[in-house]
């Protein structure tokens, strides 16, 4: 015996006018951020910071704790040096 799926009624009702300001603000912020000319060095530094955060988080999940100094030393090495 199969149970037919019933589409919920009124499960996502909202007042578009009530959230219009928030949506416009979010869209304006996004457009502003996409138009800012970043210097390449800034973007590279941000990528390095994000990579360090990801590596540190993954190592904590796996039970290993790296100090900031150890993480910096590991990131300076090339893949060939790590083998």
C-alpha atoms as a PDB file:
ATOM      1  CA  UNK A   1       0.000   0.000   0.000  1.00  0.00           C
ATOM      2  CA  UNK A   2       1.467   3.326  -1.014  1.00  0.00           C
ATOM      3  CA  UNK A   3       0.879   6.526   0.851  1.00  0.00           C
ATOM      4  CA  UNK A   4       0.253   9.431  -1.502  1.00  0.00           C
ATOM      5  CA  UNK A   5       2.275  12.580  -0.936  1.00  0.00           C
ATOM      6  CA  UNK A   6       0.168  15.580  -0.078  1.00  0.00           C
ATOM      7  CA  UNK A   7       1.557  18.995  -0.840  1.00  0.00           C
ATOM      8  CA  UNK A   8       1.406  21.154   2.301  1.00  0.00           C
ATOM      9  CA  UNK A   9      -0.942  24.082   2.073  1.00  0.00           C
ATOM     10  CA  UNK A  10       0.260  27.534   3.113  1.00  0.00           C
ATOM     11  CA  UNK A  11       3.691  26.262   4.141  1.00  0.00           C
ATOM     12  CA  UNK A  12       5.649  29.219   2.811  1.00  0.00           C
ATOM     13  CA  UNK A  13       3.353  32.178   2.959  1.00  0.00           C
ATOM     14  CA  UNK A  14       5.047  35.495   3.606  1.00  0.00           C
ATOM     15  CA  UNK A  15       4.505  39.158   2.961  1.00  0.00           C
ATOM     16  CA  UNK A  16       6.916  40.225   0.170  1.00  0.00           C
ATOM     17  CA  UNK A  17       6.581  43.863   1.194  1.00  0.00           C
ATOM     18  CA  UNK A  18       7.737  43.071   4.726  1.00  0.00           C
ATOM     19  CA  UNK A  19      11.070  41.649   3.552  1.00  0.00           C
ATOM     20  CA  UNK A  20      11.656  43.895   0.564  1.00  0.00           C
ATOM     21  CA  UNK A  21      14.044  46.253   2.389  1.00  0.00           C
ATOM     22  CA  UNK A  22      16.173  43.367   3.636  1.00  0.00           C
ATOM     23  CA  UNK A  23      16.335  41.763   0.196  1.00  0.00           C
ATOM     24  CA  UNK A  24      17.269  45.055  -1.451  1.00  0.00           C
ATOM     25  CA  UNK A  25      19.938  45.679   1.188  1.00  0.00           C
ATOM     26  CA  UNK A  26      21.430  42.235   0.636  1.00  0.00           C
ATOM     27  CA  UNK A  27      21.404  42.678  -3.130  1.00  0.00           C
ATOM     28  CA  UNK A  28      23.003  46.134  -2.868  1.00  0.00           C
ATOM     29  CA  UNK A  29      25.755  44.776  -0.621  1.00  0.00           C
ATOM     30  CA  UNK A  30      26.434  41.918  -3.011  1.00  0.00           C
ATOM     31  CA  UNK A  31      26.603  44.238  -6.007  1.00  0.00           C
ATOM     32  CA  UNK A  32      28.902  46.611  -4.135  1.00  0.00           C
ATOM     33  CA  UNK A  33      31.268  43.791  -3.178  1.00  0.00           C
ATOM     34  CA  UNK A  34      31.431  42.455  -6.721  1.00  0.00           C
ATOM     35  CA  UNK A  35      32.368  45.887  -8.057  1.00  0.00           C
ATOM     36  CA  UNK A  36      35.237  46.619  -5.648  1.00  0.00           C
ATOM     37  CA  UNK A  37      38.605  46.266  -7.388  1.00  0.00           C
ATOM     38  CA  UNK A  38      40.729  44.145  -5.053  1.00  0.00           C
ATOM     39  CA  UNK A  39      44.484  44.084  -5.305  1.00  0.00           C
ATOM     40  CA  UNK A  40      45.823  40.654  -6.163  1.00  0.00           C
ATOM     41  CA  UNK A  41      48.004  40.594  -3.035  1.00  0.00           C
ATOM     42  CA  UNK A  42      44.916  41.113  -0.841  1.00  0.00           C
ATOM     43  CA  UNK A  43      43.105  38.241  -2.507  1.00  0.00           C
ATOM     44  CA  UNK A  44      46.130  35.961  -2.137  1.00  0.00           C
ATOM     45  CA  UNK A  45      46.506  36.849   1.543  1.00  0.00           C
ATOM     46  CA  UNK A  46      42.808  36.163   2.147  1.00  0.00           C
ATOM     47  CA  UNK A  47      43.148  32.803   0.397  1.00  0.00           C
ATOM     48  CA  UNK A  48      46.120  31.912   2.615  1.00  0.00           C
ATOM     49  CA  UNK A  49      44.185  32.864   5.750  1.00  0.00           C
ATOM     50  CA  UNK A  50      41.178  30.811   4.663  1.00  0.00           C
ATOM     51  CA  UNK A  51      43.380  27.841   3.817  1.00  0.00           C
ATOM     52  CA  UNK A  52      45.007  28.019   7.263  1.00  0.00           C
ATOM     53  CA  UNK A  53      41.583  28.081   8.908  1.00  0.00           C
ATOM     54  CA  UNK A  54      40.438  25.069   6.910  1.00  0.00           C
ATOM     55  CA  UNK A  55      43.598  23.096   7.682  1.00  0.00           C
ATOM     56  CA  UNK A  56      43.412  23.970  11.374  1.00  0.00           C
ATOM     57  CA  UNK A  57      39.744  22.974  11.541  1.00  0.00           C
ATOM     58  CA  UNK A  58      40.352  19.684   9.759  1.00  0.00           C
ATOM     59  CA  UNK A  59      43.302  18.839  11.975  1.00  0.00           C
ATOM     60  CA  UNK A  60      41.237  19.534  15.099  1.00  0.00           C
ATOM     61  CA  UNK A  61      38.486  17.252  13.830  1.00  0.00           C
ATOM     62  CA  UNK A  62      41.069  14.525  13.299  1.00  0.00           C
ATOM     63  CA  UNK A  63      42.466  15.056  16.789  1.00  0.00           C
ATOM     64  CA  UNK A  64      45.734  16.807  15.917  1.00  0.00           C
ATOM     65  CA  UNK A  65      46.462  20.269  17.255  1.00  0.00           C
ATOM     66  CA  UNK A  66      48.879  22.394  15.258  1.00  0.00           C
ATOM     67  CA  UNK A  67      50.324  25.613  16.576  1.00  0.00           C
ATOM     68  CA  UNK A  68      50.246  28.675  14.352  1.00  0.00           C
ATOM     69  CA  UNK A  69      54.019  28.374  13.868  1.00  0.00           C
ATOM     70  CA  UNK A  70      53.796  24.709  12.810  1.00  0.00           C
ATOM     71  CA  UNK A  71      51.019  25.512  10.365  1.00  0.00           C
ATOM     72  CA  UNK A  72      53.015  28.384   8.830  1.00  0.00           C
ATOM     73  CA  UNK A  73      56.067  26.136   8.466  1.00  0.00           C
ATOM     74  CA  UNK A  74      54.043  23.409   6.771  1.00  0.00           C
ATOM     75  CA  UNK A  75      52.476  25.870   4.338  1.00  0.00           C
ATOM     76  CA  UNK A  76      55.874  27.239   3.288  1.00  0.00           C
ATOM     77  CA  UNK A  77      56.983  23.821   2.103  1.00  0.00           C
ATOM     78  CA  UNK A  78      56.267  22.653  -1.426  1.00  0.00           C
ATOM     79  CA  UNK A  79      54.495  19.327  -2.040  1.00  0.00           C
ATOM     80  CA  UNK A  80      57.822  17.812  -3.134  1.00  0.00           C
ATOM     81  CA  UNK A  81      59.428  18.738   0.212  1.00  0.00           C
ATOM     82  CA  UNK A  82      56.614  17.075   2.163  1.00  0.00           C
ATOM     83  CA  UNK A  83      57.167  13.642   0.545  1.00  0.00           C
END
